Amino acid sequence: MLSAFEDAFTHCFLIEEGGQVCGYACLLVLFEDAEIENIAVDLDYRGQGISKLLMQAMHDKAKQLGAKRCLLEVRVSNQVARSLYEKYGYESYGVRKRY
C-alpha cells in the first residue's frame, strides 16, 4: 500500500483524529478515467460519515483532473461496499468470474 503514495497517478486521502487513522481512500486517475482503488474506514469510526467525506474527496479530485467517469471493482458478496457505491450512483456493468 505504501507504494501508492509514491505514484504520480494515484491520489490518497487520509482522515485521522488524534493520531488515530479513521479511514483512507486511494484513487487512480488516468486521462478521462478514474478508478477507486481502495476505501476503508476503521470499525470504531463507521457510521460517522467518514466514507462520505472520502468519496467526496475522490470525486472532487477526479473532476479536478478531468476524469469523465469513475470506476471500481467490488465483490458481489460485499454488500456494505456495494450499498455505499450505489448511494453515489454507481451501477453494475458486469461480474468477473471468481473475483
PDB file of N, CA and C in Angstrom:
ATOM      1  N   MET A   1       0.826  -1.201   0.000  1.00  0.00           N
ATOM      2  CA  MET A   1       0.000   0.000   0.000  1.00  0.00           C
ATOM      3  C   MET A   1       0.866   1.258   0.000  1.00  0.00           C
ATOM      4  N   LEU A   2       1.988   1.219   0.639  1.00  0.00           N
ATOM      5  CA  LEU A   2       2.841   2.388   0.718  1.00  0.00           C
ATOM      6  C   LEU A   2       3.262   2.881  -0.662  1.00  0.00           C
ATOM      7  N   SER A   3       3.421   1.987  -1.631  1.00  0.00           N
ATOM      8  CA  SER A   3       3.841   2.391  -2.965  1.00  0.00           C
ATOM      9  C   SER A   3       2.829   3.314  -3.633  1.00  0.00           C
ATOM     10  N   ALA A   4       1.570   3.227  -3.271  1.00  0.00           N
ATOM     11  CA  ALA A   4       0.547   4.092  -3.853  1.00  0.00           C
ATOM     12  C   ALA A   4       0.819   5.557  -3.547  1.00  0.00           C
ATOM     13  N   PHE A   5       1.476   5.837  -2.441  1.00  0.00           N
ATOM     14  CA  PHE A   5       1.760   7.217  -2.076  1.00  0.00           C
ATOM     15  C   PHE A   5       2.876   7.812  -2.932  1.00  0.00           C
ATOM     16  N   GLU A   6       3.600   6.969  -3.655  1.00  0.00           N
ATOM     17  CA  GLU A   6       4.699   7.430  -4.489  1.00  0.00           C
ATOM     18  C   GLU A   6       4.317   7.500  -5.966  1.00  0.00           C
ATOM     19  N   ASP A   7       3.132   7.084  -6.329  1.00  0.00           N
ATOM     20  CA  ASP A   7       2.672   7.026  -7.717  1.00  0.00           C
ATOM     21  C   ASP A   7       2.047   8.370  -8.100  1.00  0.00           C
ATOM     22  N   ALA A   8       2.500   8.960  -9.207  1.00  0.00           N
ATOM     23  CA  ALA A   8       2.008  10.277  -9.629  1.00  0.00           C
ATOM     24  C   ALA A   8       0.548  10.249 -10.054  1.00  0.00           C
ATOM     25  N   PHE A   9       0.017   9.085 -10.399  1.00  0.00           N
ATOM     26  CA  PHE A   9      -1.359   8.982 -10.867  1.00  0.00           C
ATOM     27  C   PHE A   9      -2.331   8.566  -9.770  1.00  0.00           C
ATOM     28  N   THR A  10      -1.804   8.180  -8.628  1.00  0.00           N
ATOM     29  CA  THR A  10      -2.642   7.734  -7.516  1.00  0.00           C
ATOM     30  C   THR A  10      -2.720   8.848  -6.479  1.00  0.00           C
ATOM     31  N   HIS A  11      -3.924   9.109  -6.019  1.00  0.00           N
ATOM     32  CA  HIS A  11      -4.173  10.170  -5.046  1.00  0.00           C
ATOM     33  C   HIS A  11      -4.808   9.530  -3.824  1.00  0.00           C
ATOM     34  N   CYS A  12      -4.137   9.677  -2.690  1.00  0.00           N
ATOM     35  CA  CYS A  12      -4.607   9.044  -1.462  1.00  0.00           C
ATOM     36  C   CYS A  12      -5.108  10.098  -0.486  1.00  0.00           C
ATOM     37  N   PHE A  13      -6.109   9.712   0.256  1.00  0.00           N
ATOM     38  CA  PHE A  13      -6.761  10.596   1.225  1.00  0.00           C
ATOM     39  C   PHE A  13      -6.793   9.884   2.563  1.00  0.00           C
ATOM     40  N   LEU A  14      -6.523  10.632   3.629  1.00  0.00           N
ATOM     41  CA  LEU A  14      -6.457  10.057   4.963  1.00  0.00           C
ATOM     42  C   LEU A  14      -7.234  10.941   5.929  1.00  0.00           C
ATOM     43  N   ILE A  15      -8.048  10.321   6.737  1.00  0.00           N
ATOM     44  CA  ILE A  15      -8.755  11.050   7.792  1.00  0.00           C
ATOM     45  C   ILE A  15      -8.279  10.477   9.117  1.00  0.00           C
ATOM     46  N   GLU A  16      -7.818  11.353   9.981  1.00  0.00           N
ATOM     47  CA  GLU A  16      -7.353  10.906  11.288  1.00  0.00           C
ATOM     48  C   GLU A  16      -7.890  11.819  12.380  1.00  0.00           C
ATOM     49  N   GLU A  17      -7.898  11.273  13.565  1.00  0.00           N
ATOM     50  CA  GLU A  17      -8.340  12.027  14.731  1.00  0.00           C
ATOM     51  C   GLU A  17      -7.402  11.683  15.878  1.00  0.00           C
ATOM     52  N   GLY A  18      -6.702  12.682  16.375  1.00  0.00           N
ATOM     53  CA  GLY A  18      -5.784  12.467  17.484  1.00  0.00           C
ATOM     54  C   GLY A  18      -4.719  11.429  17.199  1.00  0.00           C
ATOM     55  N   GLY A  19      -4.231  11.390  15.971  1.00  0.00           N
ATOM     56  CA  GLY A  19      -3.202  10.435  15.609  1.00  0.00           C
ATOM     57  C   GLY A  19      -3.729   9.058  15.224  1.00  0.00           C
ATOM     58  N   GLN A  20      -5.010   8.838  15.372  1.00  0.00           N
ATOM     59  CA  GLN A  20      -5.642   7.562  15.025  1.00  0.00           C
ATOM     60  C   GLN A  20      -6.196   7.655  13.602  1.00  0.00           C
ATOM     61  N   VAL A  21      -5.809   6.720  12.746  1.00  0.00           N
ATOM     62  CA  VAL A  21      -6.350   6.688  11.392  1.00  0.00           C
ATOM     63  C   VAL A  21      -7.798   6.211  11.467  1.00  0.00           C
ATOM     64  N   CYS A  22      -8.697   7.053  10.965  1.00  0.00           N
ATOM     65  CA  CYS A  22     -10.126   6.730  10.959  1.00  0.00           C
ATOM     66  C   CYS A  22     -10.533   6.083   9.639  1.00  0.00           C
ATOM     67  N   GLY A  23      -9.910   6.523   8.553  1.00  0.00           N
ATOM     68  CA  GLY A  23     -10.225   5.990   7.243  1.00  0.00           C
ATOM     69  C   GLY A  23      -9.263   6.513   6.202  1.00  0.00           C
ATOM     70  N   TYR A  24      -9.222   5.810   5.085  1.00  0.00           N
ATOM     71  CA  TYR A  24      -8.377   6.237   3.979  1.00  0.00           C
ATOM     72  C   TYR A  24      -8.991   5.775   2.664  1.00  0.00           C
ATOM     73  N   ALA A  25      -8.541   6.384   1.582  1.00  0.00           N
ATOM     74  CA  ALA A  25      -9.009   6.009   0.250  1.00  0.00           C
ATOM     75  C   ALA A  25      -7.921   6.340  -0.757  1.00  0.00           C
ATOM     76  N   CYS A  26      -7.872   5.555  -1.830  1.00  0.00           N
ATOM     77  CA  CYS A  26      -6.917   5.802  -2.909  1.00  0.00           C
ATOM     78  C   CYS A  26      -7.656   5.782  -4.234  1.00  0.00           C
ATOM     79  N   LEU A  27      -7.305   6.726  -5.070  1.00  0.00           N
ATOM     80  CA  LEU A  27      -7.936   6.928  -6.365  1.00  0.00           C
ATOM     81  C   LEU A  27      -6.858   6.980  -7.435  1.00  0.00           C
ATOM     82  N   LEU A  28      -7.027   6.228  -8.500  1.00  0.00           N
ATOM     83  CA  LEU A  28      -6.125   6.252  -9.638  1.00  0.00           C
ATOM     84  C   LEU A  28      -6.802   7.046 -10.752  1.00  0.00           C
ATOM     85  N   VAL A  29      -6.113   8.048 -11.299  1.00  0.00           N
ATOM     86  CA  VAL A  29      -6.683   8.852 -12.379  1.00  0.00           C
ATOM     87  C   VAL A  29      -5.748   8.803 -13.573  1.00  0.00           C
ATOM     88  N   LEU A  30      -6.278   8.281 -14.673  1.00  0.00           N
ATOM     89  CA  LEU A  30      -5.554   8.223 -15.943  1.00  0.00           C
ATOM     90  C   LEU A  30      -6.447   8.807 -17.025  1.00  0.00           C
ATOM     91  N   PHE A  31      -6.093   9.972 -17.500  1.00  0.00           N
ATOM     92  CA  PHE A  31      -6.832  10.662 -18.554  1.00  0.00           C
ATOM     93  C   PHE A  31      -8.294  10.860 -18.154  1.00  0.00           C
ATOM     94  N   GLU A  32      -9.246  10.306 -18.922  1.00  0.00           N
ATOM     95  CA  GLU A  32     -10.664  10.546 -18.625  1.00  0.00           C
ATOM     96  C   GLU A  32     -11.251   9.539 -17.646  1.00  0.00           C
ATOM     97  N   ASP A  33     -10.448   8.577 -17.195  1.00  0.00           N
ATOM     98  CA  ASP A  33     -10.943   7.558 -16.276  1.00  0.00           C
ATOM     99  C   ASP A  33     -10.330   7.702 -14.892  1.00  0.00           C
ATOM    100  N   ALA A  34     -11.167   7.541 -13.905  1.00  0.00           N
ATOM    101  CA  ALA A  34     -10.720   7.465 -12.518  1.00  0.00           C
ATOM    102  C   ALA A  34     -11.180   6.110 -11.993  1.00  0.00           C
ATOM    103  N   GLU A  35     -10.377   5.522 -11.132  1.00  0.00           N
ATOM    104  CA  GLU A  35     -10.746   4.235 -10.555  1.00  0.00           C
ATOM    105  C   GLU A  35     -10.491   4.254  -9.053  1.00  0.00           C
ATOM    106  N   ILE A  36     -11.517   3.929  -8.300  1.00  0.00           N
ATOM    107  CA  ILE A  36     -11.354   3.820  -6.860  1.00  0.00           C
ATOM    108  C   ILE A  36     -10.595   2.533  -6.591  1.00  0.00           C
ATOM    109  N   GLU A  37      -9.410   2.689  -6.040  1.00  0.00           N
ATOM    110  CA  GLU A  37      -8.554   1.541  -5.755  1.00  0.00           C
ATOM    111  C   GLU A  37      -8.876   0.932  -4.397  1.00  0.00           C
ATOM    112  N   ASN A  38      -9.184   1.788  -3.432  1.00  0.00           N
ATOM    113  CA  ASN A  38      -9.409   1.298  -2.081  1.00  0.00           C
ATOM    114  C   ASN A  38     -10.103   2.373  -1.257  1.00  0.00           C
ATOM    115  N   ILE A  39     -10.964   1.923  -0.370  1.00  0.00           N
ATOM    116  CA  ILE A  39     -11.568   2.812   0.623  1.00  0.00           C
ATOM    117  C   ILE A  39     -11.824   1.956   1.858  1.00  0.00           C
ATOM    118  N   ALA A  40     -11.412   2.464   2.995  1.00  0.00           N
ATOM    119  CA  ALA A  40     -11.582   1.711   4.241  1.00  0.00           C
ATOM    120  C   ALA A  40     -11.825   2.669   5.394  1.00  0.00           C
ATOM    121  N   VAL A  41     -12.690   2.251   6.295  1.00  0.00           N
ATOM    122  CA  VAL A  41     -12.981   3.018   7.500  1.00  0.00           C
ATOM    123  C   VAL A  41     -12.835   2.073   8.698  1.00  0.00           C
ATOM    124  N   ASP A  42     -12.085   2.494   9.688  1.00  0.00           N
ATOM    125  CA  ASP A  42     -11.901   1.706  10.900  1.00  0.00           C
ATOM    126  C   ASP A  42     -13.256   1.380  11.522  1.00  0.00           C
ATOM    127  N   LEU A  43     -13.399   0.178  12.031  1.00  0.00           N
ATOM    128  CA  LEU A  43     -14.673  -0.257  12.618  1.00  0.00           C
ATOM    129  C   LEU A  43     -15.198   0.710  13.676  1.00  0.00           C
ATOM    130  N   ASP A  44     -14.304   1.265  14.484  1.00  0.00           N
ATOM    131  CA  ASP A  44     -14.717   2.182  15.554  1.00  0.00           C
ATOM    132  C   ASP A  44     -15.266   3.506  15.037  1.00  0.00           C
ATOM    133  N   TYR A  45     -15.022   3.815  13.757  1.00  0.00           N
ATOM    134  CA  TYR A  45     -15.439   5.105  13.205  1.00  0.00           C
ATOM    135  C   TYR A  45     -16.530   4.980  12.144  1.00  0.00           C
ATOM    136  N   ARG A  46     -17.027   3.792  11.941  1.00  0.00           N
ATOM    137  CA  ARG A  46     -18.082   3.608  10.936  1.00  0.00           C
ATOM    138  C   ARG A  46     -19.381   4.249  11.403  1.00  0.00           C
ATOM    139  N   GLY A  47     -20.169   4.699  10.444  1.00  0.00           N
ATOM    140  CA  GLY A  47     -21.439   5.338  10.761  1.00  0.00           C
ATOM    141  C   GLY A  47     -21.316   6.801  11.132  1.00  0.00           C
ATOM    142  N   GLN A  48     -20.133   7.387  10.930  1.00  0.00           N
ATOM    143  CA  GLN A  48     -19.905   8.787  11.298  1.00  0.00           C
ATOM    144  C   GLN A  48     -19.690   9.689  10.078  1.00  0.00           C
ATOM    145  N   GLY A  49     -19.946   9.164   8.888  1.00  0.00           N
ATOM    146  CA  GLY A  49     -19.830   9.986   7.682  1.00  0.00           C
ATOM    147  C   GLY A  49     -18.450  10.044   7.073  1.00  0.00           C
ATOM    148  N   ILE A  50     -17.545   9.219   7.556  1.00  0.00           N
ATOM    149  CA  ILE A  50     -16.180   9.250   7.038  1.00  0.00           C
ATOM    150  C   ILE A  50     -16.131   8.760   5.596  1.00  0.00           C
ATOM    151  N   SER A  51     -16.853   7.713   5.289  1.00  0.00           N
ATOM    152  CA  SER A  51     -16.853   7.221   3.904  1.00  0.00           C
ATOM    153  C   SER A  51     -17.416   8.286   2.962  1.00  0.00           C
ATOM    154  N   LYS A  52     -18.381   9.054   3.431  1.00  0.00           N
ATOM    155  CA  LYS A  52     -18.944  10.134   2.618  1.00  0.00           C
ATOM    156  C   LYS A  52     -17.877  11.188   2.325  1.00  0.00           C
ATOM    157  N   LEU A  53     -17.110  11.562   3.326  1.00  0.00           N
ATOM    158  CA  LEU A  53     -16.035  12.539   3.125  1.00  0.00           C
ATOM    159  C   LEU A  53     -14.988  12.016   2.149  1.00  0.00           C
ATOM    160  N   LEU A  54     -14.627  10.748   2.279  1.00  0.00           N
ATOM    161  CA  LEU A  54     -13.637  10.154   1.394  1.00  0.00           C
ATOM    162  C   LEU A  54     -14.145  10.066  -0.041  1.00  0.00           C
ATOM    163  N   MET A  55     -15.391   9.644  -0.203  1.00  0.00           N
ATOM    164  CA  MET A  55     -15.968   9.555  -1.547  1.00  0.00           C
ATOM    165  C   MET A  55     -16.022  10.937  -2.189  1.00  0.00           C
ATOM    166  N   GLN A  56     -16.422  11.940  -1.427  1.00  0.00           N
ATOM    167  CA  GLN A  56     -16.498  13.297  -1.970  1.00  0.00           C
ATOM    168  C   GLN A  56     -15.125  13.807  -2.363  1.00  0.00           C
ATOM    169  N   ALA A  57     -14.118  13.527  -1.538  1.00  0.00           N
ATOM    170  CA  ALA A  57     -12.750  13.953  -1.849  1.00  0.00           C
ATOM    171  C   ALA A  57     -12.260  13.302  -3.134  1.00  0.00           C
ATOM    172  N   MET A  58     -12.558  12.018  -3.300  1.00  0.00           N
ATOM    173  CA  MET A  58     -12.134  11.329  -4.527  1.00  0.00           C
ATOM    174  C   MET A  58     -12.861  11.869  -5.751  1.00  0.00           C
ATOM    175  N   HIS A  59     -14.171  12.091  -5.627  1.00  0.00           N
ATOM    176  CA  HIS A  59     -14.926  12.633  -6.764  1.00  0.00           C
ATOM    177  C   HIS A  59     -14.439  14.029  -7.134  1.00  0.00           C
ATOM    178  N   ASP A  60     -14.174  14.857  -6.137  1.00  0.00           N
ATOM    179  CA  ASP A  60     -13.677  16.211  -6.402  1.00  0.00           C
ATOM    180  C   ASP A  60     -12.326  16.170  -7.120  1.00  0.00           C
ATOM    181  N   LYS A  61     -11.425  15.290  -6.670  1.00  0.00           N
ATOM    182  CA  LYS A  61     -10.100  15.181  -7.266  1.00  0.00           C
ATOM    183  C   LYS A  61     -10.209  14.666  -8.706  1.00  0.00           C
ATOM    184  N   ALA A  62     -11.050  13.663  -8.916  1.00  0.00           N
ATOM    185  CA  ALA A  62     -11.233  13.116 -10.266  1.00  0.00           C
ATOM    186  C   ALA A  62     -11.737  14.193 -11.216  1.00  0.00           C
ATOM    187  N   LYS A  63     -12.708  14.962 -10.757  1.00  0.00           N
ATOM    188  CA  LYS A  63     -13.262  16.036 -11.585  1.00  0.00           C
ATOM    189  C   LYS A  63     -12.204  17.107 -11.866  1.00  0.00           C
ATOM    190  N   GLN A  64     -11.455  17.473 -10.839  1.00  0.00           N
ATOM    191  CA  GLN A  64     -10.394  18.481 -10.978  1.00  0.00           C
ATOM    192  C   GLN A  64      -9.366  18.053 -12.023  1.00  0.00           C
ATOM    193  N   LEU A  65      -9.103  16.757 -12.112  1.00  0.00           N
ATOM    194  CA  LEU A  65      -8.106  16.237 -13.043  1.00  0.00           C
ATOM    195  C   LEU A  65      -8.690  15.877 -14.410  1.00  0.00           C
ATOM    196  N   GLY A  66      -9.979  16.160 -14.609  1.00  0.00           N
ATOM    197  CA  GLY A  66     -10.592  15.978 -15.914  1.00  0.00           C
ATOM    198  C   GLY A  66     -11.184  14.610 -16.181  1.00  0.00           C
ATOM    199  N   ALA A  67     -11.334  13.792 -15.168  1.00  0.00           N
ATOM    200  CA  ALA A  67     -11.929  12.467 -15.372  1.00  0.00           C
ATOM    201  C   ALA A  67     -13.405  12.620 -15.739  1.00  0.00           C
ATOM    202  N   LYS A  68     -13.839  11.814 -16.680  1.00  0.00           N
ATOM    203  CA  LYS A  68     -15.236  11.838 -17.134  1.00  0.00           C
ATOM    204  C   LYS A  68     -16.072  10.750 -16.472  1.00  0.00           C
ATOM    205  N   ARG A  69     -15.410   9.699 -15.998  1.00  0.00           N
ATOM    206  CA  ARG A  69     -16.143   8.625 -15.324  1.00  0.00           C
ATOM    207  C   ARG A  69     -15.261   8.031 -14.238  1.00  0.00           C
ATOM    208  N   CYS A  70     -15.916   7.409 -13.287  1.00  0.00           N
ATOM    209  CA  CYS A  70     -15.222   6.793 -12.161  1.00  0.00           C
ATOM    210  C   CYS A  70     -15.665   5.339 -12.066  1.00  0.00           C
ATOM    211  N   LEU A  71     -14.700   4.461 -11.994  1.00  0.00           N
ATOM    212  CA  LEU A  71     -14.948   3.027 -11.988  1.00  0.00           C
ATOM    213  C   LEU A  71     -14.415   2.406 -10.704  1.00  0.00           C
ATOM    214  N   LEU A  72     -14.854   1.199 -10.427  1.00  0.00           N
ATOM    215  CA  LEU A  72     -14.338   0.446  -9.294  1.00  0.00           C
ATOM    216  C   LEU A  72     -14.718  -1.003  -9.452  1.00  0.00           C
ATOM    217  N   GLU A  73     -14.073  -1.847  -8.673  1.00  0.00           N
ATOM    218  CA  GLU A  73     -14.421  -3.257  -8.613  1.00  0.00           C
ATOM    219  C   GLU A  73     -14.733  -3.585  -7.162  1.00  0.00           C
ATOM    220  N   VAL A  74     -15.768  -4.388  -6.982  1.00  0.00           N
ATOM    221  CA  VAL A  74     -16.168  -4.789  -5.632  1.00  0.00           C
ATOM    222  C   VAL A  74     -16.753  -6.193  -5.707  1.00  0.00           C
ATOM    223  N   ARG A  75     -16.471  -6.977  -4.701  1.00  0.00           N
ATOM    224  CA  ARG A  75     -17.030  -8.333  -4.668  1.00  0.00           C
ATOM    225  C   ARG A  75     -18.545  -8.263  -4.540  1.00  0.00           C
ATOM    226  N   VAL A  76     -19.219  -9.151  -5.227  1.00  0.00           N
ATOM    227  CA  VAL A  76     -20.681  -9.233  -5.150  1.00  0.00           C
ATOM    228  C   VAL A  76     -21.112  -9.442  -3.708  1.00  0.00           C
ATOM    229  N   SER A  77     -20.327 -10.188  -2.947  1.00  0.00           N
ATOM    230  CA  SER A  77     -20.679 -10.510  -1.557  1.00  0.00           C
ATOM    231  C   SER A  77     -20.465  -9.342  -0.590  1.00  0.00           C
ATOM    232  N   ASN A  78     -19.784  -8.274  -1.017  1.00  0.00           N
ATOM    233  CA  ASN A  78     -19.506  -7.138  -0.133  1.00  0.00           C
ATOM    234  C   ASN A  78     -20.668  -6.146  -0.187  1.00  0.00           C
ATOM    235  N   GLN A  79     -21.738  -6.487   0.495  1.00  0.00           N
ATOM    236  CA  GLN A  79     -22.957  -5.686   0.440  1.00  0.00           C
ATOM    237  C   GLN A  79     -22.782  -4.293   1.051  1.00  0.00           C
ATOM    238  N   VAL A  80     -21.966  -4.173   2.075  1.00  0.00           N
ATOM    239  CA  VAL A  80     -21.734  -2.859   2.694  1.00  0.00           C
ATOM    240  C   VAL A  80     -21.119  -1.903   1.677  1.00  0.00           C
ATOM    241  N   ALA A  81     -20.084  -2.358   0.986  1.00  0.00           N
ATOM    242  CA  ALA A  81     -19.436  -1.514  -0.029  1.00  0.00           C
ATOM    243  C   ALA A  81     -20.376  -1.238  -1.190  1.00  0.00           C
ATOM    244  N   ARG A  82     -21.078  -2.253  -1.638  1.00  0.00           N
ATOM    245  CA  ARG A  82     -21.999  -2.067  -2.761  1.00  0.00           C
ATOM    246  C   ARG A  82     -23.080  -1.039  -2.417  1.00  0.00           C
ATOM    247  N   SER A  83     -23.579  -1.068  -1.209  1.00  0.00           N
ATOM    248  CA  SER A  83     -24.592  -0.087  -0.780  1.00  0.00           C
ATOM    249  C   SER A  83     -24.018   1.325  -0.798  1.00  0.00           C
ATOM    250  N   LEU A  84     -22.785   1.467  -0.339  1.00  0.00           N
ATOM    251  CA  LEU A  84     -22.127   2.778  -0.351  1.00  0.00           C
ATOM    252  C   LEU A  84     -22.009   3.292  -1.783  1.00  0.00           C
ATOM    253  N   TYR A  85     -21.517   2.460  -2.673  1.00  0.00           N
ATOM    254  CA  TYR A  85     -21.313   2.890  -4.051  1.00  0.00           C
ATOM    255  C   TYR A  85     -22.629   3.189  -4.753  1.00  0.00           C
ATOM    256  N   GLU A  86     -23.637   2.391  -4.505  1.00  0.00           N
ATOM    257  CA  GLU A  86     -24.953   2.625  -5.107  1.00  0.00           C
ATOM    258  C   GLU A  86     -25.537   3.954  -4.635  1.00  0.00           C
ATOM    259  N   LYS A  87     -25.250   4.313  -3.395  1.00  0.00           N
ATOM    260  CA  LYS A  87     -25.721   5.596  -2.865  1.00  0.00           C
ATOM    261  C   LYS A  87     -25.144   6.764  -3.665  1.00  0.00           C
ATOM    262  N   TYR A  88     -23.970   6.560  -4.255  1.00  0.00           N
ATOM    263  CA  TYR A  88     -23.316   7.597  -5.047  1.00  0.00           C
ATOM    264  C   TYR A  88     -23.561   7.435  -6.541  1.00  0.00           C
ATOM    265  N   GLY A  89     -24.512   6.589  -6.904  1.00  0.00           N
ATOM    266  CA  GLY A  89     -24.917   6.471  -8.295  1.00  0.00           C
ATOM    267  C   GLY A  89     -24.150   5.454  -9.125  1.00  0.00           C
ATOM    268  N   TYR A  90     -23.289   4.679  -8.500  1.00  0.00           N
ATOM    269  CA  TYR A  90     -22.558   3.660  -9.247  1.00  0.00           C
ATOM    270  C   TYR A  90     -23.515   2.553  -9.659  1.00  0.00           C
ATOM    271  N   GLU A  91     -23.262   2.028 -10.848  1.00  0.00           N
ATOM    272  CA  GLU A  91     -24.094   0.958 -11.390  1.00  0.00           C
ATOM    273  C   GLU A  91     -23.208  -0.219 -11.760  1.00  0.00           C
ATOM    274  N   SER A  92     -23.770  -1.404 -11.709  1.00  0.00           N
ATOM    275  CA  SER A  92     -23.038  -2.611 -12.067  1.00  0.00           C
ATOM    276  C   SER A  92     -23.011  -2.767 -13.588  1.00  0.00           C
ATOM    277  N   TYR A  93     -21.808  -2.995 -14.115  1.00  0.00           N
ATOM    278  CA  TYR A  93     -21.650  -3.209 -15.552  1.00  0.00           C
ATOM    279  C   TYR A  93     -21.325  -4.652 -15.885  1.00  0.00           C
ATOM    280  N   GLY A  94     -20.995  -5.424 -14.900  1.00  0.00           N
ATOM    281  CA  GLY A  94     -20.651  -6.812 -15.161  1.00  0.00           C
ATOM    282  C   GLY A  94     -20.097  -7.466 -13.910  1.00  0.00           C
ATOM    283  N   VAL A  95     -19.892  -8.762 -14.019  1.00  0.00           N
ATOM    284  CA  VAL A  95     -19.360  -9.530 -12.907  1.00  0.00           C
ATOM    285  C   VAL A  95     -18.184 -10.358 -13.416  1.00  0.00           C
ATOM    286  N   ARG A  96     -17.042 -10.216 -12.757  1.00  0.00           N
ATOM    287  CA  ARG A  96     -15.870 -11.010 -13.109  1.00  0.00           C
ATOM    288  C   ARG A  96     -16.004 -12.385 -12.450  1.00  0.00           C
ATOM    289  N   LYS A  97     -15.730 -13.398 -13.189  1.00  0.00           N
ATOM    290  CA  LYS A  97     -15.773 -14.742 -12.637  1.00  0.00           C
ATOM    291  C   LYS A  97     -14.661 -14.908 -11.618  1.00  0.00           C
ATOM    292  N   ARG A  98     -14.981 -15.501 -10.488  1.00  0.00           N
ATOM    293  CA  ARG A  98     -14.039 -15.804  -9.404  1.00  0.00           C
ATOM    294  C   ARG A  98     -13.352 -14.557  -8.829  1.00  0.00           C
ATOM    295  N   TYR A  99     -14.029 -13.401  -8.848  1.00  0.00           N
ATOM    296  CA  TYR A  99     -13.433 -12.199  -8.246  1.00  0.00           C
ATOM    297  C   TYR A  99     -13.685 -12.233  -6.763  1.00  0.00           C
TER     298      TYR A  99
END
